[in-house]
N, C-alpha and C. Protein backbone atom coordinates (compact mmCIF):
# COMPACT_ATOMS: atom_id res chain seq x y z
N MET A 1 0.85 -1.19 0.00
CA MET A 1 0.00 0.00 0.00
C MET A 1 0.88 1.24 0.00
N ASP A 2 0.46 2.22 -0.75
CA ASP A 2 1.11 3.51 -0.73
C ASP A 2 0.44 4.32 0.37
N PHE A 3 1.12 4.47 1.50
CA PHE A 3 0.47 5.12 2.64
C PHE A 3 1.43 6.09 3.33
N GLY A 4 0.85 6.96 4.11
CA GLY A 4 1.63 7.89 4.91
C GLY A 4 0.98 8.11 6.25
N ILE A 5 1.75 8.60 7.21
CA ILE A 5 1.21 8.99 8.51
C ILE A 5 1.68 10.41 8.81
N LEU A 6 1.02 11.06 9.73
CA LEU A 6 1.29 12.47 9.99
C LEU A 6 2.38 12.70 11.04
N TYR A 7 2.88 11.64 11.65
CA TYR A 7 3.90 11.76 12.68
C TYR A 7 3.44 12.74 13.77
N ASP A 8 4.28 13.74 14.07
CA ASP A 8 3.95 14.70 15.13
C ASP A 8 2.77 15.60 14.76
N GLY A 9 2.41 15.61 13.49
CA GLY A 9 1.29 16.45 13.07
C GLY A 9 -0.07 15.87 13.45
N GLU A 10 -0.09 14.59 13.85
CA GLU A 10 -1.37 13.96 14.19
C GLU A 10 -1.66 14.13 15.67
N LYS A 11 -2.83 14.69 15.96
CA LYS A 11 -3.29 14.82 17.34
C LYS A 11 -4.47 13.87 17.55
N ASN A 12 -4.82 13.65 18.80
CA ASN A 12 -6.01 12.87 19.10
C ASN A 12 -7.21 13.48 18.38
N SER A 13 -8.11 12.65 17.90
CA SER A 13 -9.26 13.16 17.16
C SER A 13 -10.20 14.00 18.03
N GLY A 14 -10.16 13.78 19.35
CA GLY A 14 -10.98 14.57 20.25
C GLY A 14 -12.24 13.89 20.74
N ASN A 15 -12.42 12.62 20.37
CA ASN A 15 -13.65 11.93 20.77
C ASN A 15 -13.87 11.96 22.28
N ASP A 16 -12.85 11.51 23.03
CA ASP A 16 -13.02 11.39 24.48
C ASP A 16 -13.25 12.73 25.16
N VAL A 17 -12.47 13.73 24.76
CA VAL A 17 -12.62 15.02 25.45
C VAL A 17 -13.99 15.63 25.18
N ARG A 18 -14.54 15.38 24.00
CA ARG A 18 -15.88 15.89 23.73
C ARG A 18 -16.91 15.14 24.57
N ARG A 19 -16.74 13.84 24.74
CA ARG A 19 -17.69 13.06 25.50
C ARG A 19 -17.73 13.45 26.98
N VAL A 20 -16.61 13.96 27.49
CA VAL A 20 -16.59 14.37 28.89
C VAL A 20 -16.86 15.86 29.05
N GLY A 21 -17.26 16.53 27.96
CA GLY A 21 -17.71 17.91 28.06
C GLY A 21 -16.68 18.98 27.73
N GLU A 22 -15.49 18.60 27.29
CA GLU A 22 -14.45 19.59 26.97
C GLU A 22 -14.59 20.05 25.52
N GLU A 23 -15.67 20.76 25.24
CA GLU A 23 -15.96 21.18 23.86
C GLU A 23 -14.88 22.09 23.30
N GLY A 24 -14.35 22.98 24.12
CA GLY A 24 -13.31 23.89 23.65
C GLY A 24 -12.06 23.16 23.22
N LEU A 25 -11.63 22.18 24.02
CA LEU A 25 -10.46 21.38 23.67
C LEU A 25 -10.73 20.56 22.42
N PHE A 26 -11.95 20.03 22.31
CA PHE A 26 -12.31 19.28 21.11
C PHE A 26 -12.16 20.14 19.86
N GLU A 27 -12.70 21.35 19.91
CA GLU A 27 -12.64 22.23 18.74
C GLU A 27 -11.20 22.62 18.41
N MET A 28 -10.35 22.76 19.42
CA MET A 28 -8.94 23.06 19.18
C MET A 28 -8.26 21.90 18.47
N LEU A 29 -8.55 20.66 18.91
CA LEU A 29 -7.98 19.48 18.27
C LEU A 29 -8.46 19.35 16.83
N VAL A 30 -9.75 19.62 16.60
CA VAL A 30 -10.28 19.56 15.24
C VAL A 30 -9.54 20.56 14.35
N GLU A 31 -9.37 21.76 14.84
CA GLU A 31 -8.68 22.80 14.05
C GLU A 31 -7.27 22.39 13.70
N GLU A 32 -6.55 21.83 14.67
CA GLU A 32 -5.17 21.42 14.42
C GLU A 32 -5.10 20.23 13.47
N ASN A 33 -6.01 19.28 13.63
CA ASN A 33 -6.02 18.12 12.73
C ASN A 33 -6.41 18.50 11.31
N LEU A 34 -7.36 19.39 11.17
CA LEU A 34 -7.76 19.82 9.83
C LEU A 34 -6.61 20.53 9.13
N ALA A 35 -5.85 21.31 9.88
CA ALA A 35 -4.70 22.00 9.30
C ALA A 35 -3.65 21.00 8.83
N ALA A 36 -3.41 19.96 9.63
CA ALA A 36 -2.42 18.95 9.25
C ALA A 36 -2.89 18.15 8.05
N LEU A 37 -4.15 17.75 8.05
CA LEU A 37 -4.69 16.98 6.92
C LEU A 37 -4.74 17.83 5.65
N GLY A 38 -4.94 19.13 5.81
CA GLY A 38 -4.99 20.02 4.65
C GLY A 38 -3.67 20.11 3.91
N LYS A 39 -2.57 19.76 4.58
CA LYS A 39 -1.25 19.80 3.94
C LYS A 39 -0.88 18.45 3.30
N ALA A 40 -1.70 17.44 3.54
CA ALA A 40 -1.39 16.09 3.05
C ALA A 40 -2.18 15.77 1.79
N LYS A 41 -1.63 14.88 0.97
CA LYS A 41 -2.31 14.40 -0.23
C LYS A 41 -2.67 12.93 -0.01
N PHE A 42 -3.95 12.62 -0.10
CA PHE A 42 -4.39 11.25 0.16
C PHE A 42 -5.76 11.03 -0.47
N LYS A 43 -6.12 9.76 -0.62
CA LYS A 43 -7.43 9.39 -1.16
C LYS A 43 -8.38 8.91 -0.07
N ARG A 44 -7.82 8.20 0.91
CA ARG A 44 -8.66 7.65 1.99
C ARG A 44 -7.92 7.76 3.31
N ILE A 45 -8.68 7.83 4.39
CA ILE A 45 -8.13 7.77 5.73
C ILE A 45 -8.57 6.45 6.35
N PHE A 46 -7.59 5.71 6.90
CA PHE A 46 -7.89 4.48 7.63
C PHE A 46 -7.53 4.68 9.09
N THR A 47 -8.34 4.13 9.96
CA THR A 47 -8.06 4.20 11.38
C THR A 47 -8.32 2.85 12.03
N THR A 48 -7.54 2.54 13.05
CA THR A 48 -7.77 1.31 13.82
C THR A 48 -8.75 1.54 14.95
N ASP A 49 -9.13 2.79 15.20
CA ASP A 49 -9.95 3.14 16.35
C ASP A 49 -11.37 3.53 15.93
N PRO A 50 -12.38 2.74 16.32
CA PRO A 50 -13.76 3.08 15.97
C PRO A 50 -14.22 4.43 16.52
N HIS A 51 -13.66 4.87 17.66
CA HIS A 51 -14.03 6.17 18.21
C HIS A 51 -13.55 7.29 17.28
N THR A 52 -12.32 7.15 16.80
CA THR A 52 -11.79 8.11 15.84
C THR A 52 -12.56 8.03 14.52
N PHE A 53 -12.87 6.81 14.09
CA PHE A 53 -13.66 6.59 12.88
C PHE A 53 -14.98 7.36 12.96
N ASN A 54 -15.68 7.24 14.08
CA ASN A 54 -16.96 7.92 14.25
C ASN A 54 -16.81 9.43 14.27
N THR A 55 -15.79 9.91 14.98
CA THR A 55 -15.59 11.36 15.10
C THR A 55 -15.22 11.98 13.76
N LEU A 56 -14.29 11.37 13.03
CA LEU A 56 -13.90 11.91 11.73
C LEU A 56 -15.05 11.83 10.73
N ARG A 57 -15.79 10.74 10.79
CA ARG A 57 -16.86 10.53 9.81
C ARG A 57 -18.09 11.39 10.06
N ASN A 58 -18.47 11.52 11.34
CA ASN A 58 -19.76 12.12 11.64
C ASN A 58 -19.69 13.49 12.31
N GLU A 59 -18.54 13.87 12.85
CA GLU A 59 -18.46 15.14 13.56
C GLU A 59 -17.54 16.17 12.88
N TYR A 60 -16.48 15.71 12.25
CA TYR A 60 -15.59 16.64 11.56
C TYR A 60 -16.27 17.38 10.40
N PRO A 61 -17.23 16.76 9.69
CA PRO A 61 -17.89 17.51 8.61
C PRO A 61 -18.56 18.80 9.09
N ASP A 62 -18.97 18.86 10.35
CA ASP A 62 -19.55 20.09 10.89
C ASP A 62 -18.55 21.23 10.94
N PHE A 63 -17.25 20.87 10.84
CA PHE A 63 -16.19 21.88 10.89
C PHE A 63 -15.48 21.99 9.53
N GLY A 64 -16.08 21.41 8.50
CA GLY A 64 -15.51 21.51 7.16
C GLY A 64 -14.58 20.38 6.78
N GLY A 65 -14.47 19.37 7.62
CA GLY A 65 -13.57 18.26 7.32
C GLY A 65 -14.32 17.03 6.86
N THR A 66 -14.52 16.92 5.55
CA THR A 66 -15.25 15.78 4.99
C THR A 66 -14.27 14.92 4.19
N TYR A 67 -14.03 13.71 4.69
CA TYR A 67 -13.06 12.81 4.07
C TYR A 67 -13.64 11.41 3.94
N PRO A 68 -13.09 10.60 3.01
CA PRO A 68 -13.45 9.18 2.97
C PRO A 68 -12.77 8.46 4.14
N ILE A 69 -13.54 7.99 5.11
CA ILE A 69 -13.00 7.35 6.30
C ILE A 69 -13.37 5.87 6.29
N GLU A 70 -12.40 5.00 6.55
CA GLU A 70 -12.68 3.57 6.61
C GLU A 70 -11.97 2.94 7.81
N HIS A 71 -12.60 1.93 8.36
CA HIS A 71 -12.00 1.17 9.45
C HIS A 71 -11.02 0.16 8.86
N TYR A 72 -9.98 -0.15 9.61
CA TYR A 72 -8.91 -0.99 9.06
C TYR A 72 -9.36 -2.40 8.69
N THR A 73 -10.46 -2.88 9.27
CA THR A 73 -10.93 -4.21 8.88
C THR A 73 -11.36 -4.22 7.41
N ARG A 74 -11.88 -3.09 6.93
CA ARG A 74 -12.24 -2.98 5.50
C ARG A 74 -11.00 -3.07 4.63
N LEU A 75 -9.93 -2.42 5.04
CA LEU A 75 -8.69 -2.45 4.26
C LEU A 75 -8.11 -3.85 4.21
N LEU A 76 -8.03 -4.52 5.36
CA LEU A 76 -7.48 -5.87 5.39
C LEU A 76 -8.31 -6.83 4.56
N LEU A 77 -9.63 -6.70 4.65
CA LEU A 77 -10.52 -7.54 3.85
C LEU A 77 -10.29 -7.28 2.36
N GLU A 78 -10.17 -6.03 1.99
CA GLU A 78 -9.94 -5.66 0.59
C GLU A 78 -8.65 -6.27 0.07
N LEU A 79 -7.57 -6.21 0.87
CA LEU A 79 -6.28 -6.73 0.44
C LEU A 79 -6.29 -8.25 0.29
N ILE A 80 -7.04 -8.93 1.16
CA ILE A 80 -7.14 -10.38 1.06
C ILE A 80 -7.99 -10.77 -0.15
N ARG A 81 -9.09 -10.08 -0.34
CA ARG A 81 -9.99 -10.43 -1.45
C ARG A 81 -9.37 -10.19 -2.81
N ASN A 82 -8.52 -9.16 -2.94
CA ASN A 82 -7.93 -8.92 -4.25
C ASN A 82 -6.58 -9.62 -4.43
N GLY A 83 -6.23 -10.49 -3.47
CA GLY A 83 -5.04 -11.32 -3.62
C GLY A 83 -3.73 -10.68 -3.24
N ARG A 84 -3.77 -9.48 -2.67
CA ARG A 84 -2.52 -8.80 -2.32
C ARG A 84 -1.97 -9.29 -0.97
N LEU A 85 -2.81 -9.92 -0.19
CA LEU A 85 -2.36 -10.61 1.02
C LEU A 85 -2.77 -12.07 0.90
N ALA A 86 -1.79 -12.96 0.89
CA ALA A 86 -2.08 -14.39 0.80
C ALA A 86 -2.05 -14.98 2.20
N THR A 87 -3.19 -15.44 2.67
CA THR A 87 -3.30 -15.95 4.03
C THR A 87 -3.64 -17.44 4.03
N ARG A 88 -3.21 -18.11 5.09
CA ARG A 88 -3.58 -19.51 5.28
C ARG A 88 -4.76 -19.59 6.24
N LYS A 89 -5.44 -20.72 6.26
CA LYS A 89 -6.59 -20.92 7.13
C LYS A 89 -6.10 -21.26 8.55
N LEU A 90 -6.62 -20.56 9.53
CA LEU A 90 -6.16 -20.74 10.90
C LEU A 90 -6.92 -21.84 11.64
N GLY A 91 -8.23 -21.93 11.41
CA GLY A 91 -9.00 -23.02 11.99
C GLY A 91 -9.38 -22.88 13.46
N TYR A 92 -9.21 -21.70 14.05
CA TYR A 92 -9.60 -21.51 15.44
C TYR A 92 -11.11 -21.30 15.56
N THR A 93 -11.62 -21.52 16.76
CA THR A 93 -12.99 -21.13 17.09
C THR A 93 -12.91 -19.86 17.92
N VAL A 94 -13.57 -18.81 17.47
CA VAL A 94 -13.47 -17.50 18.12
C VAL A 94 -14.85 -16.90 18.31
N THR A 95 -14.91 -15.88 19.14
CA THR A 95 -16.09 -15.03 19.20
C THR A 95 -15.63 -13.60 18.94
N TYR A 96 -16.49 -12.82 18.33
CA TYR A 96 -16.12 -11.45 17.95
C TYR A 96 -16.98 -10.45 18.70
N HIS A 97 -16.31 -9.46 19.27
CA HIS A 97 -17.02 -8.39 19.98
C HIS A 97 -17.14 -7.17 19.06
N ASP A 98 -18.38 -6.75 18.78
CA ASP A 98 -18.61 -5.55 17.97
C ASP A 98 -18.35 -4.30 18.80
N PRO A 99 -17.41 -3.44 18.38
CA PRO A 99 -17.20 -2.17 19.08
C PRO A 99 -18.44 -1.27 18.94
N CYS A 100 -18.78 -0.58 20.02
CA CYS A 100 -19.98 0.26 19.99
C CYS A 100 -19.94 1.29 18.87
N TYR A 101 -18.80 1.98 18.73
CA TYR A 101 -18.73 3.07 17.76
C TYR A 101 -18.59 2.58 16.33
N LEU A 102 -18.37 1.28 16.17
CA LEU A 102 -18.35 0.72 14.82
C LEU A 102 -19.72 0.15 14.47
N ALA A 103 -20.30 -0.61 15.38
CA ALA A 103 -21.56 -1.31 15.10
C ALA A 103 -22.79 -0.48 15.43
N ARG A 104 -22.87 0.02 16.66
CA ARG A 104 -24.06 0.78 17.07
C ARG A 104 -24.21 2.08 16.28
N TYR A 105 -23.12 2.84 16.20
CA TYR A 105 -23.19 4.19 15.65
C TYR A 105 -23.02 4.23 14.13
N ASN A 106 -22.30 3.25 13.57
CA ASN A 106 -21.98 3.32 12.14
C ASN A 106 -22.38 2.08 11.34
N ARG A 107 -23.02 1.12 12.01
CA ARG A 107 -23.60 -0.04 11.34
C ARG A 107 -22.59 -0.84 10.53
N GLU A 108 -21.33 -0.82 10.95
CA GLU A 108 -20.31 -1.64 10.29
C GLU A 108 -20.16 -2.92 11.09
N THR A 109 -20.82 -3.97 10.64
CA THR A 109 -20.77 -5.25 11.34
C THR A 109 -20.28 -6.38 10.44
N GLU A 110 -20.33 -6.21 9.14
CA GLU A 110 -20.03 -7.32 8.24
C GLU A 110 -18.55 -7.47 7.92
N ALA A 111 -17.85 -6.35 7.69
CA ALA A 111 -16.44 -6.44 7.28
C ALA A 111 -15.60 -7.26 8.26
N PRO A 112 -15.71 -7.02 9.58
CA PRO A 112 -14.90 -7.84 10.50
C PRO A 112 -15.24 -9.33 10.41
N ARG A 113 -16.51 -9.65 10.24
CA ARG A 113 -16.91 -11.07 10.16
C ARG A 113 -16.46 -11.69 8.84
N TRP A 114 -16.56 -10.95 7.74
CA TRP A 114 -16.07 -11.47 6.47
C TRP A 114 -14.56 -11.70 6.55
N LEU A 115 -13.87 -10.80 7.25
CA LEU A 115 -12.42 -10.93 7.41
C LEU A 115 -12.07 -12.18 8.21
N LEU A 116 -12.79 -12.42 9.30
CA LEU A 116 -12.54 -13.61 10.11
C LEU A 116 -12.84 -14.88 9.31
N ALA A 117 -13.88 -14.85 8.50
CA ALA A 117 -14.21 -16.00 7.66
C ALA A 117 -13.11 -16.26 6.64
N ALA A 118 -12.55 -15.18 6.09
CA ALA A 118 -11.48 -15.31 5.11
C ALA A 118 -10.23 -15.93 5.72
N LEU A 119 -10.08 -15.82 7.04
CA LEU A 119 -8.93 -16.41 7.73
C LEU A 119 -9.20 -17.85 8.16
N GLY A 120 -10.36 -18.37 7.79
CA GLY A 120 -10.69 -19.75 8.12
C GLY A 120 -11.05 -19.95 9.58
N LEU A 121 -11.65 -18.94 10.19
CA LEU A 121 -12.02 -19.01 11.60
C LEU A 121 -13.51 -19.31 11.74
N LYS A 122 -13.85 -20.14 12.71
CA LYS A 122 -15.24 -20.39 13.03
C LYS A 122 -15.68 -19.36 14.07
N VAL A 123 -16.66 -18.53 13.72
CA VAL A 123 -17.12 -17.48 14.62
C VAL A 123 -18.38 -17.95 15.35
N THR A 124 -18.27 -18.07 16.67
CA THR A 124 -19.43 -18.39 17.51
C THR A 124 -19.93 -17.08 18.11
N GLU A 125 -21.14 -16.71 17.81
CA GLU A 125 -21.66 -15.40 18.19
C GLU A 125 -22.13 -15.37 19.65
N MET A 126 -21.88 -14.24 20.30
CA MET A 126 -22.43 -13.98 21.62
C MET A 126 -23.86 -13.49 21.48
N PRO A 127 -24.69 -13.60 22.52
CA PRO A 127 -26.09 -13.17 22.41
C PRO A 127 -26.24 -11.70 22.03
N ARG A 128 -25.42 -10.82 22.63
CA ARG A 128 -25.50 -9.39 22.33
C ARG A 128 -24.45 -9.06 21.29
N ARG A 129 -24.88 -8.73 20.10
CA ARG A 129 -23.95 -8.57 18.99
C ARG A 129 -24.48 -7.59 17.95
N ARG A 130 -23.62 -7.31 16.96
CA ARG A 130 -23.94 -6.37 15.88
C ARG A 130 -24.44 -5.05 16.47
N GLU A 131 -25.55 -4.50 15.95
CA GLU A 131 -26.03 -3.20 16.41
C GLU A 131 -26.49 -3.22 17.86
N ASN A 132 -26.71 -4.41 18.41
CA ASN A 132 -27.12 -4.55 19.81
C ASN A 132 -25.97 -5.05 20.68
N THR A 133 -24.78 -4.68 20.33
CA THR A 133 -23.60 -5.13 21.06
C THR A 133 -23.58 -4.57 22.48
N PHE A 134 -22.68 -5.12 23.30
CA PHE A 134 -22.55 -4.72 24.70
C PHE A 134 -21.30 -3.86 24.86
N CYS A 135 -21.41 -2.79 25.62
CA CYS A 135 -20.29 -1.85 25.78
C CYS A 135 -19.17 -2.48 26.62
N CYS A 136 -17.93 -2.18 26.26
CA CYS A 136 -16.79 -2.69 27.02
C CYS A 136 -16.61 -1.93 28.32
N GLY A 137 -17.25 -0.77 28.46
CA GLY A 137 -17.13 0.03 29.66
C GLY A 137 -16.20 1.22 29.53
N ALA A 138 -15.57 1.38 28.36
CA ALA A 138 -14.60 2.47 28.19
C ALA A 138 -15.18 3.68 27.49
N GLY A 139 -16.27 3.51 26.77
CA GLY A 139 -16.83 4.59 25.96
C GLY A 139 -17.33 5.77 26.77
N GLY A 140 -17.48 6.91 26.09
CA GLY A 140 -17.99 8.10 26.75
C GLY A 140 -17.04 8.68 27.77
N GLY A 141 -15.76 8.34 27.66
CA GLY A 141 -14.77 8.84 28.61
C GLY A 141 -14.66 8.01 29.88
N ARG A 142 -15.41 6.91 29.99
CA ARG A 142 -15.41 6.12 31.22
C ARG A 142 -14.09 5.39 31.44
N ILE A 143 -13.29 5.25 30.40
CA ILE A 143 -12.01 4.56 30.58
C ILE A 143 -11.13 5.31 31.57
N TRP A 144 -11.40 6.61 31.77
CA TRP A 144 -10.60 7.42 32.68
C TRP A 144 -11.21 7.51 34.08
N MET A 145 -12.36 6.88 34.31
CA MET A 145 -13.07 7.02 35.58
C MET A 145 -12.71 5.91 36.57
N GLU A 146 -12.76 6.25 37.84
CA GLU A 146 -12.50 5.28 38.90
C GLU A 146 -13.72 4.38 39.07
N GLU A 147 -13.48 3.05 39.17
CA GLU A 147 -14.60 2.11 39.27
C GLU A 147 -14.42 1.17 40.47
N SER A 148 -13.84 1.66 41.53
CA SER A 148 -13.54 0.80 42.67
C SER A 148 -14.78 0.25 43.35
N ALA A 149 -15.92 0.96 43.23
CA ALA A 149 -17.14 0.53 43.91
C ALA A 149 -17.98 -0.43 43.07
N VAL A 150 -17.56 -0.68 41.83
CA VAL A 150 -18.32 -1.55 40.94
C VAL A 150 -18.00 -3.02 41.25
N GLN A 151 -19.02 -3.82 41.47
CA GLN A 151 -18.80 -5.23 41.82
C GLN A 151 -18.33 -6.04 40.62
N GLU A 152 -18.93 -5.81 39.45
CA GLU A 152 -18.50 -6.49 38.22
C GLU A 152 -18.57 -5.50 37.07
N ARG A 153 -17.43 -5.27 36.46
CA ARG A 153 -17.37 -4.30 35.37
C ARG A 153 -18.02 -4.88 34.10
N PRO A 154 -18.48 -3.98 33.21
CA PRO A 154 -19.06 -4.46 31.95
C PRO A 154 -18.13 -5.39 31.17
N SER A 155 -16.85 -5.08 31.18
CA SER A 155 -15.88 -5.92 30.46
C SER A 155 -15.80 -7.32 31.05
N GLU A 156 -15.91 -7.42 32.36
CA GLU A 156 -15.89 -8.73 33.01
C GLU A 156 -17.17 -9.52 32.72
N MET A 157 -18.30 -8.81 32.66
CA MET A 157 -19.56 -9.45 32.28
C MET A 157 -19.44 -10.04 30.87
N ARG A 158 -18.81 -9.28 29.98
CA ARG A 158 -18.68 -9.71 28.59
C ARG A 158 -17.78 -10.94 28.46
N ILE A 159 -16.70 -10.96 29.21
CA ILE A 159 -15.82 -12.13 29.19
C ILE A 159 -16.57 -13.35 29.71
N ARG A 160 -17.35 -13.16 30.75
CA ARG A 160 -18.16 -14.27 31.29
C ARG A 160 -19.14 -14.77 30.23
N GLU A 161 -19.71 -13.84 29.47
CA GLU A 161 -20.63 -14.21 28.39
C GLU A 161 -19.91 -15.03 27.32
N ALA A 162 -18.68 -14.64 27.00
CA ALA A 162 -17.90 -15.37 25.99
C ALA A 162 -17.51 -16.75 26.48
N LEU A 163 -17.21 -16.87 27.76
CA LEU A 163 -16.80 -18.16 28.31
C LEU A 163 -17.94 -19.17 28.33
N ALA A 164 -19.16 -18.68 28.26
CA ALA A 164 -20.32 -19.58 28.25
C ALA A 164 -20.50 -20.26 26.89
N LEU A 165 -19.79 -19.77 25.88
CA LEU A 165 -19.88 -20.36 24.54
C LEU A 165 -19.02 -21.62 24.47
N ASP A 166 -19.35 -22.50 23.58
CA ASP A 166 -18.68 -23.79 23.49
C ASP A 166 -17.41 -23.72 22.65
N GLY A 167 -16.28 -24.04 23.26
CA GLY A 167 -15.03 -24.23 22.53
C GLY A 167 -14.35 -22.99 22.01
N VAL A 168 -14.71 -21.80 22.50
CA VAL A 168 -14.11 -20.56 21.99
C VAL A 168 -12.70 -20.39 22.54
N GLN A 169 -11.74 -20.18 21.64
CA GLN A 169 -10.34 -20.03 22.04
C GLN A 169 -9.94 -18.57 22.18
N TYR A 170 -10.48 -17.73 21.29
CA TYR A 170 -10.08 -16.32 21.29
C TYR A 170 -11.29 -15.40 21.32
N PHE A 171 -11.13 -14.32 22.07
CA PHE A 171 -12.09 -13.23 22.13
C PHE A 171 -11.52 -12.14 21.22
N VAL A 172 -12.11 -11.96 20.03
CA VAL A 172 -11.53 -11.11 19.00
C VAL A 172 -12.13 -9.70 19.07
N VAL A 173 -11.24 -8.71 19.01
CA VAL A 173 -11.67 -7.31 19.06
C VAL A 173 -11.11 -6.55 17.86
N ALA A 174 -11.68 -5.37 17.63
CA ALA A 174 -11.23 -4.51 16.54
C ALA A 174 -11.23 -3.06 16.99
N CYS A 175 -10.75 -2.85 18.22
CA CYS A 175 -10.74 -1.51 18.82
C CYS A 175 -9.67 -1.48 19.90
N PRO A 176 -8.81 -0.46 19.93
CA PRO A 176 -7.77 -0.39 20.96
C PRO A 176 -8.33 -0.35 22.38
N LYS A 177 -9.43 0.36 22.60
CA LYS A 177 -10.01 0.41 23.94
C LYS A 177 -10.54 -0.97 24.34
N ASP A 178 -11.17 -1.65 23.40
CA ASP A 178 -11.65 -3.01 23.69
C ASP A 178 -10.49 -3.91 24.07
N TYR A 179 -9.39 -3.79 23.36
CA TYR A 179 -8.23 -4.64 23.65
C TYR A 179 -7.75 -4.40 25.08
N THR A 180 -7.65 -3.14 25.47
CA THR A 180 -7.21 -2.80 26.81
C THR A 180 -8.19 -3.31 27.87
N MET A 181 -9.48 -3.03 27.66
CA MET A 181 -10.48 -3.38 28.66
C MET A 181 -10.61 -4.89 28.83
N TYR A 182 -10.63 -5.62 27.73
CA TYR A 182 -10.87 -7.05 27.82
C TYR A 182 -9.63 -7.84 28.22
N THR A 183 -8.46 -7.38 27.83
CA THR A 183 -7.24 -8.02 28.31
C THR A 183 -7.16 -7.93 29.82
N ASP A 184 -7.50 -6.75 30.34
CA ASP A 184 -7.52 -6.57 31.79
C ASP A 184 -8.62 -7.42 32.43
N ALA A 185 -9.78 -7.48 31.79
CA ALA A 185 -10.92 -8.23 32.35
C ALA A 185 -10.63 -9.73 32.43
N VAL A 186 -9.88 -10.25 31.47
CA VAL A 186 -9.51 -11.67 31.53
C VAL A 186 -8.72 -11.95 32.81
N LYS A 187 -7.83 -11.01 33.17
CA LYS A 187 -7.03 -11.18 34.38
C LYS A 187 -7.86 -11.01 35.64
N THR A 188 -8.64 -9.92 35.70
CA THR A 188 -9.37 -9.61 36.93
C THR A 188 -10.52 -10.58 37.19
N SER A 189 -11.00 -11.24 36.14
CA SER A 189 -12.08 -12.21 36.31
C SER A 189 -11.56 -13.62 36.56
N GLY A 190 -10.24 -13.77 36.62
CA GLY A 190 -9.65 -15.08 36.85
C GLY A 190 -9.77 -16.02 35.67
N SER A 191 -9.78 -15.45 34.45
CA SER A 191 -10.00 -16.26 33.25
C SER A 191 -8.74 -16.54 32.46
N ASP A 192 -7.58 -16.21 33.01
CA ASP A 192 -6.32 -16.53 32.32
C ASP A 192 -6.26 -18.03 32.04
N GLY A 193 -5.88 -18.36 30.81
CA GLY A 193 -5.79 -19.76 30.43
C GLY A 193 -7.08 -20.34 29.90
N LYS A 194 -8.18 -19.63 30.09
CA LYS A 194 -9.48 -20.10 29.60
C LYS A 194 -9.84 -19.47 28.25
N ILE A 195 -9.42 -18.22 28.05
CA ILE A 195 -9.70 -17.50 26.81
C ILE A 195 -8.65 -16.40 26.68
N ALA A 196 -8.31 -16.04 25.46
CA ALA A 196 -7.32 -14.99 25.22
C ALA A 196 -7.90 -13.94 24.28
N VAL A 197 -7.50 -12.70 24.49
CA VAL A 197 -7.97 -11.59 23.66
C VAL A 197 -7.01 -11.40 22.50
N LYS A 198 -7.56 -11.26 21.29
CA LYS A 198 -6.76 -11.03 20.10
C LYS A 198 -7.37 -9.89 19.28
N ASP A 199 -6.53 -8.98 18.84
CA ASP A 199 -6.99 -8.02 17.83
C ASP A 199 -7.04 -8.75 16.50
N VAL A 200 -8.02 -8.42 15.68
CA VAL A 200 -8.16 -9.12 14.40
C VAL A 200 -6.90 -8.99 13.56
N ALA A 201 -6.16 -7.88 13.70
CA ALA A 201 -4.93 -7.69 12.93
C ALA A 201 -3.86 -8.70 13.34
N GLU A 202 -3.87 -9.12 14.61
CA GLU A 202 -2.93 -10.15 15.06
C GLU A 202 -3.20 -11.47 14.38
N LEU A 203 -4.47 -11.77 14.17
CA LEU A 203 -4.83 -13.01 13.49
C LEU A 203 -4.46 -12.95 12.01
N VAL A 204 -4.60 -11.78 11.40
CA VAL A 204 -4.17 -11.62 10.01
C VAL A 204 -2.67 -11.83 9.91
N GLU A 205 -1.92 -11.27 10.86
CA GLU A 205 -0.47 -11.45 10.86
C GLU A 205 -0.11 -12.93 10.97
N GLU A 206 -0.79 -13.63 11.87
CA GLU A 206 -0.51 -15.07 12.03
C GLU A 206 -0.84 -15.83 10.76
N ALA A 207 -1.91 -15.45 10.10
CA ALA A 207 -2.33 -16.15 8.87
C ALA A 207 -1.36 -15.88 7.72
N LEU A 208 -0.67 -14.75 7.75
CA LEU A 208 0.32 -14.47 6.71
C LEU A 208 1.52 -15.40 6.85
N GLY A 209 1.97 -15.60 8.09
CA GLY A 209 3.01 -16.58 8.37
C GLY A 209 4.40 -16.22 7.97
N TRP A 210 4.62 -14.99 7.45
CA TRP A 210 5.97 -14.66 7.03
C TRP A 210 6.60 -13.50 7.79
N LEU A 211 5.88 -12.92 8.74
CA LEU A 211 6.47 -11.83 9.51
C LEU A 211 7.32 -12.40 10.64
N PRO A 212 8.43 -11.75 10.97
CA PRO A 212 9.31 -12.26 12.03
C PRO A 212 8.64 -12.17 13.38
N ARG A 213 8.93 -13.13 14.24
CA ARG A 213 8.38 -13.17 15.60
C ARG A 213 9.35 -12.54 16.58
């Protein structure tokens, strides 16, 4: 792929600060990001973060920033389908967690599943999925909040839900916040050795089989 990144020119998209009420800081970040993007030449923007995906796609246009935005699962699927990435079949049994800002807010539920199918994975669905997915507990700025009084966190509930499925080896995510929340939840719920959290990109890497370990 012919791609570029903004290095120091890239700032946080502002999703979290807006959700916690820092509208002024959000607008400052938007202004700085629009200035950086205005100096770049590109056809599409890809992001690994559904929160950034939602903010760039649905909120930046209010400030004059209208761009083609895609989640990285679409890119990986595209590269596999057109033969530019040759992958082997992995054969694992997995369950996939739909990120809220990808599925609930933007109705992107198929690309990650098509991608997992292309890797030869058997996907066992959890009861709460697609547009009715369950929150990991990090959205809306909650990832920064103290939760010492909570008896069972949403992320721990979700891991328990996944463990009730038959034969699932991996809990697959497609969001950095999900990865953080669920990796921690596996430990705090005493589920180490019972299930492991994997980003879908890690499974693509394994299916390629030629990257150094």
